[in-house]
Amino acid sequence: MRGSVSLADLYRRHHEAVQFLHIYIREAHPSDGWWLGRGVSRFLVQRYAPKAALDVEDPKTLEARRAVAARCAQVLEHGIPIYVDDMDDRVCIAYNAKPTRLFLVGVDGKLVYRGGPGPYGFSPRALGEAIQQYLASRSQG
């Protein structure tokens, strides 16, 4: 894969062969709990993720988490169906997914690709390469 790759690109390219899911987990940088504080948080978000919502408090209920997830889906505009982890963070804990991670799970339920923690380990390009390799291996087998 050459050039810049986004999740939207991967979804458009592979959605017929791969089931994409976006699982919204615990808020990565809530304004009421991130140790860097609002000023630094705002700077980092504007610098590295300008479309991200600012001043999002850590949701205390499932309904509040769903509302934040819905806003997240609108901002990201990647078209991937979004689901929400329960308040017990079962999915987040099982996959060690915080703050953000990309995974590829094979049809047998085994982990094929596990990206590094975001933001630096968040690489749609690497996920795309893993998808291509996985699909190629499936067509040969």
N, C-alpha and C. Protein backbone atom coordinates (compact mmCIF):
# COMPACT_ATOMS: atom_id res chain seq x y z
N MET A 1 0.85 -1.18 0.00
CA MET A 1 0.00 0.00 0.00
C MET A 1 0.90 1.23 0.00
N ARG A 2 0.59 2.14 -0.90
CA ARG A 2 1.39 3.36 -1.01
C ARG A 2 0.54 4.56 -0.63
N GLY A 3 1.20 5.62 -0.21
CA GLY A 3 0.50 6.84 0.14
C GLY A 3 -0.22 6.73 1.47
N SER A 4 -0.97 7.75 1.76
CA SER A 4 -1.72 7.81 3.00
C SER A 4 -2.92 6.87 2.94
N VAL A 5 -3.17 6.17 4.01
CA VAL A 5 -4.28 5.22 4.08
C VAL A 5 -5.11 5.56 5.30
N SER A 6 -6.42 5.66 5.12
CA SER A 6 -7.33 5.91 6.24
C SER A 6 -8.21 4.69 6.46
N LEU A 7 -8.89 4.67 7.59
CA LEU A 7 -9.84 3.58 7.83
C LEU A 7 -10.96 3.62 6.80
N ALA A 8 -11.37 4.81 6.39
CA ALA A 8 -12.40 4.93 5.36
C ALA A 8 -11.93 4.28 4.06
N ASP A 9 -10.65 4.48 3.71
CA ASP A 9 -10.09 3.85 2.51
C ASP A 9 -10.15 2.33 2.63
N LEU A 10 -9.73 1.81 3.78
CA LEU A 10 -9.74 0.36 3.98
C LEU A 10 -11.15 -0.20 3.91
N TYR A 11 -12.08 0.51 4.53
CA TYR A 11 -13.47 0.06 4.53
C TYR A 11 -14.01 0.01 3.10
N ARG A 12 -13.78 1.07 2.34
CA ARG A 12 -14.25 1.09 0.94
C ARG A 12 -13.63 -0.05 0.14
N ARG A 13 -12.37 -0.29 0.36
CA ARG A 13 -11.63 -1.29 -0.42
C ARG A 13 -11.99 -2.72 -0.04
N HIS A 14 -12.24 -2.99 1.24
CA HIS A 14 -12.35 -4.38 1.70
C HIS A 14 -13.67 -4.75 2.37
N HIS A 15 -14.65 -3.87 2.41
CA HIS A 15 -15.85 -4.16 3.21
C HIS A 15 -16.65 -5.37 2.72
N GLU A 16 -16.46 -5.77 1.47
CA GLU A 16 -17.19 -6.94 0.99
C GLU A 16 -16.53 -8.25 1.44
N ALA A 17 -15.23 -8.20 1.73
CA ALA A 17 -14.51 -9.41 2.13
C ALA A 17 -14.23 -9.48 3.63
N VAL A 18 -14.29 -8.32 4.29
CA VAL A 18 -13.95 -8.24 5.71
C VAL A 18 -15.06 -7.51 6.45
N GLN A 19 -15.48 -8.04 7.58
CA GLN A 19 -16.47 -7.35 8.40
C GLN A 19 -15.74 -6.36 9.29
N PHE A 20 -16.04 -5.08 9.11
CA PHE A 20 -15.42 -4.03 9.91
C PHE A 20 -16.34 -3.66 11.07
N LEU A 21 -15.77 -3.51 12.25
CA LEU A 21 -16.49 -3.05 13.43
C LEU A 21 -15.65 -1.99 14.12
N HIS A 22 -16.29 -0.94 14.54
CA HIS A 22 -15.65 0.09 15.37
C HIS A 22 -16.27 -0.08 16.75
N ILE A 23 -15.47 -0.46 17.72
CA ILE A 23 -15.96 -0.61 19.09
C ILE A 23 -15.53 0.62 19.87
N TYR A 24 -16.50 1.42 20.30
CA TYR A 24 -16.18 2.59 21.10
C TYR A 24 -15.97 2.12 22.53
N ILE A 25 -14.77 2.35 23.05
CA ILE A 25 -14.42 1.93 24.41
C ILE A 25 -14.40 3.15 25.31
N ARG A 26 -13.83 3.01 26.47
CA ARG A 26 -13.70 4.12 27.42
C ARG A 26 -13.03 5.31 26.73
N GLU A 27 -13.51 6.52 27.04
CA GLU A 27 -12.97 7.75 26.45
C GLU A 27 -11.47 7.85 26.73
N ALA A 28 -10.69 8.05 25.67
CA ALA A 28 -9.23 8.06 25.79
C ALA A 28 -8.68 9.28 26.50
N HIS A 29 -9.34 10.41 26.30
CA HIS A 29 -8.83 11.65 26.92
C HIS A 29 -9.98 12.52 27.39
N PRO A 30 -10.68 12.06 28.44
CA PRO A 30 -11.81 12.85 28.94
C PRO A 30 -11.32 14.16 29.57
N SER A 31 -12.08 15.21 29.36
CA SER A 31 -11.70 16.51 29.90
C SER A 31 -11.74 16.53 31.43
N ASP A 32 -12.51 15.62 32.02
CA ASP A 32 -12.61 15.59 33.48
C ASP A 32 -11.69 14.55 34.12
N GLY A 33 -10.76 14.00 33.35
CA GLY A 33 -9.94 12.98 33.97
C GLY A 33 -8.58 12.77 33.35
N TRP A 34 -8.26 13.47 32.28
CA TRP A 34 -6.97 13.25 31.65
C TRP A 34 -5.91 14.01 32.41
N TRP A 35 -4.84 13.37 32.75
CA TRP A 35 -3.84 13.94 33.64
C TRP A 35 -3.12 15.15 33.06
N LEU A 36 -3.13 15.34 31.76
CA LEU A 36 -2.44 16.49 31.17
C LEU A 36 -3.24 17.79 31.32
N GLY A 37 -4.50 17.68 31.67
CA GLY A 37 -5.32 18.87 31.85
C GLY A 37 -5.93 19.36 30.55
N ARG A 38 -6.89 20.25 30.67
CA ARG A 38 -7.64 20.72 29.50
C ARG A 38 -6.78 21.47 28.49
N GLY A 39 -5.91 22.34 28.95
CA GLY A 39 -5.11 23.15 28.03
C GLY A 39 -4.21 22.31 27.15
N VAL A 40 -3.46 21.41 27.75
CA VAL A 40 -2.57 20.54 26.99
C VAL A 40 -3.38 19.57 26.14
N SER A 41 -4.46 19.04 26.70
CA SER A 41 -5.33 18.13 25.95
C SER A 41 -5.84 18.81 24.69
N ARG A 42 -6.33 20.02 24.84
CA ARG A 42 -6.87 20.77 23.71
C ARG A 42 -5.79 20.97 22.64
N PHE A 43 -4.59 21.36 23.06
CA PHE A 43 -3.49 21.56 22.12
C PHE A 43 -3.18 20.27 21.35
N LEU A 44 -3.04 19.15 22.07
CA LEU A 44 -2.69 17.89 21.43
C LEU A 44 -3.78 17.41 20.47
N VAL A 45 -5.02 17.53 20.88
CA VAL A 45 -6.12 17.11 20.02
C VAL A 45 -6.17 17.98 18.77
N GLN A 46 -6.05 19.29 18.93
CA GLN A 46 -6.09 20.17 17.76
C GLN A 46 -4.91 19.91 16.83
N ARG A 47 -3.77 19.58 17.40
CA ARG A 47 -2.56 19.35 16.59
C ARG A 47 -2.61 18.02 15.85
N TYR A 48 -3.02 16.95 16.55
CA TYR A 48 -2.93 15.62 15.98
C TYR A 48 -4.26 15.01 15.53
N ALA A 49 -5.35 15.52 16.01
CA ALA A 49 -6.67 14.97 15.64
C ALA A 49 -7.68 16.10 15.61
N PRO A 50 -7.54 17.03 14.65
CA PRO A 50 -8.37 18.24 14.67
C PRO A 50 -9.87 17.99 14.56
N LYS A 51 -10.28 16.84 14.05
CA LYS A 51 -11.71 16.55 13.96
C LYS A 51 -12.27 15.98 15.25
N ALA A 52 -11.41 15.59 16.17
CA ALA A 52 -11.86 14.98 17.42
C ALA A 52 -12.63 15.98 18.27
N ALA A 53 -13.56 15.46 19.03
CA ALA A 53 -14.35 16.31 19.92
C ALA A 53 -13.48 16.81 21.06
N LEU A 54 -13.74 18.02 21.49
CA LEU A 54 -13.03 18.59 22.63
C LEU A 54 -13.95 18.63 23.83
N ASP A 55 -13.36 18.63 25.00
CA ASP A 55 -14.11 18.75 26.24
C ASP A 55 -15.19 17.69 26.40
N VAL A 56 -14.84 16.46 26.10
CA VAL A 56 -15.74 15.33 26.30
C VAL A 56 -15.45 14.76 27.68
N GLU A 57 -16.44 14.81 28.55
CA GLU A 57 -16.27 14.22 29.88
C GLU A 57 -16.41 12.71 29.78
N ASP A 58 -15.79 12.01 30.71
CA ASP A 58 -15.87 10.56 30.73
C ASP A 58 -17.32 10.15 30.99
N PRO A 59 -17.96 9.47 30.04
CA PRO A 59 -19.36 9.08 30.23
C PRO A 59 -19.54 8.19 31.46
N LYS A 60 -20.57 8.48 32.23
CA LYS A 60 -20.82 7.73 33.47
C LYS A 60 -21.92 6.69 33.31
N THR A 61 -22.63 6.74 32.18
CA THR A 61 -23.70 5.78 31.91
C THR A 61 -23.52 5.24 30.50
N LEU A 62 -24.15 4.11 30.23
CA LEU A 62 -24.09 3.54 28.89
C LEU A 62 -24.74 4.47 27.87
N GLU A 63 -25.83 5.13 28.26
CA GLU A 63 -26.50 6.05 27.35
C GLU A 63 -25.58 7.22 26.99
N ALA A 64 -24.85 7.74 27.97
CA ALA A 64 -23.90 8.83 27.70
C ALA A 64 -22.76 8.35 26.81
N ARG A 65 -22.29 7.15 27.05
CA ARG A 65 -21.21 6.59 26.20
C ARG A 65 -21.71 6.41 24.77
N ARG A 66 -22.96 5.97 24.62
CA ARG A 66 -23.53 5.82 23.28
C ARG A 66 -23.63 7.17 22.56
N ALA A 67 -23.98 8.20 23.30
CA ALA A 67 -24.09 9.54 22.71
C ALA A 67 -22.72 10.03 22.23
N VAL A 68 -21.68 9.81 23.02
CA VAL A 68 -20.33 10.21 22.62
C VAL A 68 -19.89 9.38 21.42
N ALA A 69 -20.21 8.10 21.41
CA ALA A 69 -19.85 7.23 20.28
C ALA A 69 -20.54 7.70 19.00
N ALA A 70 -21.79 8.12 19.11
CA ALA A 70 -22.51 8.62 17.93
C ALA A 70 -21.84 9.88 17.39
N ARG A 71 -21.43 10.78 18.28
CA ARG A 71 -20.71 11.98 17.84
C ARG A 71 -19.38 11.60 17.19
N CYS A 72 -18.71 10.63 17.76
CA CYS A 72 -17.45 10.14 17.22
C CYS A 72 -17.65 9.62 15.79
N ALA A 73 -18.68 8.84 15.58
CA ALA A 73 -18.96 8.29 14.25
C ALA A 73 -19.22 9.40 13.24
N GLN A 74 -19.94 10.44 13.66
CA GLN A 74 -20.20 11.58 12.77
C GLN A 74 -18.92 12.29 12.39
N VAL A 75 -18.04 12.47 13.35
CA VAL A 75 -16.78 13.20 13.10
C VAL A 75 -15.84 12.38 12.22
N LEU A 76 -15.72 11.09 12.49
CA LEU A 76 -14.78 10.26 11.75
C LEU A 76 -15.21 10.00 10.31
N GLU A 77 -16.50 9.91 10.07
CA GLU A 77 -17.06 9.73 8.73
C GLU A 77 -16.41 8.58 7.96
N HIS A 78 -16.13 7.46 8.63
CA HIS A 78 -15.49 6.35 7.93
C HIS A 78 -16.49 5.31 7.43
N GLY A 79 -17.74 5.40 7.87
CA GLY A 79 -18.77 4.49 7.39
C GLY A 79 -18.79 3.14 8.08
N ILE A 80 -17.88 2.90 8.99
CA ILE A 80 -17.79 1.61 9.67
C ILE A 80 -18.85 1.55 10.78
N PRO A 81 -19.62 0.46 10.84
CA PRO A 81 -20.61 0.34 11.92
C PRO A 81 -19.93 0.48 13.29
N ILE A 82 -20.56 1.24 14.18
CA ILE A 82 -19.97 1.50 15.49
C ILE A 82 -20.81 0.82 16.58
N TYR A 83 -20.12 0.16 17.47
CA TYR A 83 -20.73 -0.50 18.62
C TYR A 83 -20.10 0.09 19.87
N VAL A 84 -20.73 -0.10 21.00
CA VAL A 84 -20.26 0.51 22.24
C VAL A 84 -19.99 -0.56 23.29
N ASP A 85 -18.80 -0.51 23.86
CA ASP A 85 -18.43 -1.41 24.95
C ASP A 85 -19.29 -1.10 26.16
N ASP A 86 -19.65 -2.12 26.93
CA ASP A 86 -20.41 -1.91 28.16
C ASP A 86 -19.58 -1.12 29.17
N MET A 87 -20.23 -0.64 30.20
CA MET A 87 -19.56 0.17 31.21
C MET A 87 -18.54 -0.64 32.02
N ASP A 88 -18.61 -1.97 31.95
CA ASP A 88 -17.60 -2.78 32.63
C ASP A 88 -16.32 -2.90 31.80
N ASP A 89 -16.33 -2.30 30.61
CA ASP A 89 -15.16 -2.25 29.72
C ASP A 89 -14.65 -3.63 29.32
N ARG A 90 -15.55 -4.57 29.21
CA ARG A 90 -15.19 -5.96 28.92
C ARG A 90 -14.35 -6.10 27.65
N VAL A 91 -14.75 -5.44 26.57
CA VAL A 91 -14.01 -5.55 25.30
C VAL A 91 -12.66 -4.85 25.42
N CYS A 92 -12.66 -3.67 26.00
CA CYS A 92 -11.42 -2.91 26.18
C CYS A 92 -10.40 -3.73 26.97
N ILE A 93 -10.84 -4.36 28.03
CA ILE A 93 -9.94 -5.15 28.87
C ILE A 93 -9.47 -6.41 28.13
N ALA A 94 -10.40 -7.11 27.49
CA ALA A 94 -10.06 -8.36 26.80
C ALA A 94 -9.02 -8.15 25.71
N TYR A 95 -9.11 -7.03 25.01
CA TYR A 95 -8.19 -6.75 23.90
C TYR A 95 -7.07 -5.79 24.28
N ASN A 96 -7.05 -5.33 25.53
CA ASN A 96 -6.08 -4.31 25.94
C ASN A 96 -6.07 -3.19 24.91
N ALA A 97 -7.23 -2.64 24.65
CA ALA A 97 -7.44 -1.75 23.52
C ALA A 97 -7.24 -0.27 23.80
N LYS A 98 -7.04 0.12 25.05
CA LYS A 98 -6.94 1.54 25.37
C LYS A 98 -5.54 2.05 25.06
N PRO A 99 -5.36 3.24 24.53
CA PRO A 99 -6.39 4.23 24.24
C PRO A 99 -7.11 3.98 22.92
N THR A 100 -6.43 3.42 21.95
CA THR A 100 -7.05 3.09 20.67
C THR A 100 -6.16 2.08 19.96
N ARG A 101 -6.77 1.10 19.33
CA ARG A 101 -6.00 0.06 18.65
C ARG A 101 -6.79 -0.48 17.47
N LEU A 102 -6.05 -1.05 16.54
CA LEU A 102 -6.65 -1.72 15.38
C LEU A 102 -6.34 -3.21 15.48
N PHE A 103 -7.35 -4.02 15.17
CA PHE A 103 -7.19 -5.48 15.21
C PHE A 103 -7.77 -6.09 13.95
N LEU A 104 -7.23 -7.24 13.57
CA LEU A 104 -7.82 -8.07 12.53
C LEU A 104 -8.00 -9.45 13.15
N VAL A 105 -9.24 -9.91 13.19
CA VAL A 105 -9.56 -11.21 13.76
C VAL A 105 -9.97 -12.12 12.61
N GLY A 106 -9.36 -13.28 12.52
CA GLY A 106 -9.66 -14.22 11.44
C GLY A 106 -11.03 -14.86 11.62
N VAL A 107 -11.47 -15.54 10.57
CA VAL A 107 -12.78 -16.20 10.63
C VAL A 107 -12.80 -17.30 11.69
N ASP A 108 -11.62 -17.77 12.09
CA ASP A 108 -11.54 -18.79 13.14
C ASP A 108 -11.52 -18.18 14.54
N GLY A 109 -11.63 -16.84 14.62
CA GLY A 109 -11.65 -16.15 15.90
C GLY A 109 -10.27 -15.84 16.46
N LYS A 110 -9.23 -16.22 15.74
CA LYS A 110 -7.87 -15.96 16.21
C LYS A 110 -7.40 -14.59 15.73
N LEU A 111 -6.58 -13.97 16.57
CA LEU A 111 -6.04 -12.66 16.25
C LEU A 111 -5.00 -12.79 15.13
N VAL A 112 -5.23 -12.06 14.04
CA VAL A 112 -4.33 -12.07 12.89
C VAL A 112 -3.38 -10.88 12.96
N TYR A 113 -3.91 -9.74 13.39
CA TYR A 113 -3.11 -8.51 13.48
C TYR A 113 -3.53 -7.75 14.73
N ARG A 114 -2.54 -7.25 15.44
CA ARG A 114 -2.79 -6.42 16.62
C ARG A 114 -1.89 -5.21 16.49
N GLY A 115 -2.48 -4.07 16.23
CA GLY A 115 -1.71 -2.84 16.11
C GLY A 115 -1.24 -2.36 17.47
N GLY A 116 -0.28 -1.47 17.45
CA GLY A 116 0.22 -0.89 18.68
C GLY A 116 -0.76 0.13 19.23
N PRO A 117 -0.56 0.55 20.48
CA PRO A 117 -1.47 1.54 21.06
C PRO A 117 -1.34 2.88 20.36
N GLY A 118 -2.48 3.55 20.20
CA GLY A 118 -2.49 4.87 19.58
C GLY A 118 -1.98 5.92 20.52
N PRO A 119 -1.63 7.05 20.00
CA PRO A 119 -1.77 7.40 18.60
C PRO A 119 -0.63 6.90 17.72
N TYR A 120 0.54 6.64 18.28
CA TYR A 120 1.70 6.33 17.45
C TYR A 120 1.63 4.94 16.83
N GLY A 121 1.03 3.98 17.49
CA GLY A 121 0.92 2.63 16.96
C GLY A 121 -0.33 2.41 16.13
N PHE A 122 -1.13 3.45 15.97
CA PHE A 122 -2.39 3.37 15.21
C PHE A 122 -2.05 3.54 13.73
N SER A 123 -2.02 2.44 12.98
CA SER A 123 -1.58 2.48 11.59
C SER A 123 -2.56 1.77 10.67
N PRO A 124 -3.48 2.53 10.06
CA PRO A 124 -4.36 1.92 9.06
C PRO A 124 -3.57 1.25 7.93
N ARG A 125 -2.42 1.82 7.58
CA ARG A 125 -1.59 1.22 6.53
C ARG A 125 -1.18 -0.21 6.92
N ALA A 126 -0.69 -0.40 8.15
CA ALA A 126 -0.27 -1.73 8.60
C ALA A 126 -1.47 -2.68 8.65
N LEU A 127 -2.62 -2.19 9.09
CA LEU A 127 -3.83 -3.02 9.08
C LEU A 127 -4.18 -3.42 7.66
N GLY A 128 -4.10 -2.47 6.73
CA GLY A 128 -4.39 -2.77 5.33
C GLY A 128 -3.48 -3.85 4.77
N GLU A 129 -2.20 -3.78 5.10
CA GLU A 129 -1.26 -4.80 4.65
C GLU A 129 -1.60 -6.16 5.25
N ALA A 130 -2.00 -6.16 6.52
CA ALA A 130 -2.40 -7.42 7.17
C ALA A 130 -3.65 -7.99 6.52
N ILE A 131 -4.60 -7.13 6.18
CA ILE A 131 -5.82 -7.58 5.50
C ILE A 131 -5.46 -8.21 4.16
N GLN A 132 -4.61 -7.54 3.38
CA GLN A 132 -4.23 -8.08 2.07
C GLN A 132 -3.55 -9.44 2.21
N GLN A 133 -2.64 -9.56 3.16
CA GLN A 133 -1.94 -10.84 3.37
C GLN A 133 -2.92 -11.92 3.81
N TYR A 134 -3.82 -11.56 4.70
CA TYR A 134 -4.79 -12.54 5.20
C TYR A 134 -5.71 -13.02 4.08
N LEU A 135 -6.22 -12.09 3.29
CA LEU A 135 -7.12 -12.46 2.19
C LEU A 135 -6.38 -13.30 1.15
N ALA A 136 -5.13 -12.97 0.88
CA ALA A 136 -4.34 -13.76 -0.07
C ALA A 136 -4.13 -15.18 0.45
N SER A 137 -3.86 -15.32 1.73
CA SER A 137 -3.65 -16.66 2.30
C SER A 137 -4.95 -17.46 2.29
N ARG A 138 -6.07 -16.80 2.46
CA ARG A 138 -7.37 -17.49 2.45
C ARG A 138 -7.71 -17.96 1.04
N SER A 139 -7.35 -17.19 0.03
CA SER A 139 -7.68 -17.57 -1.34
C SER A 139 -6.78 -18.71 -1.83
N GLN A 140 -5.62 -18.87 -1.21
CA GLN A 140 -4.70 -19.95 -1.58
C GLN A 140 -5.02 -21.25 -0.84
N GLY A 141 -5.73 -21.10 0.30
CA GLY A 141 -5.98 -22.27 1.14
C GLY A 141 -7.23 -22.90 0.89
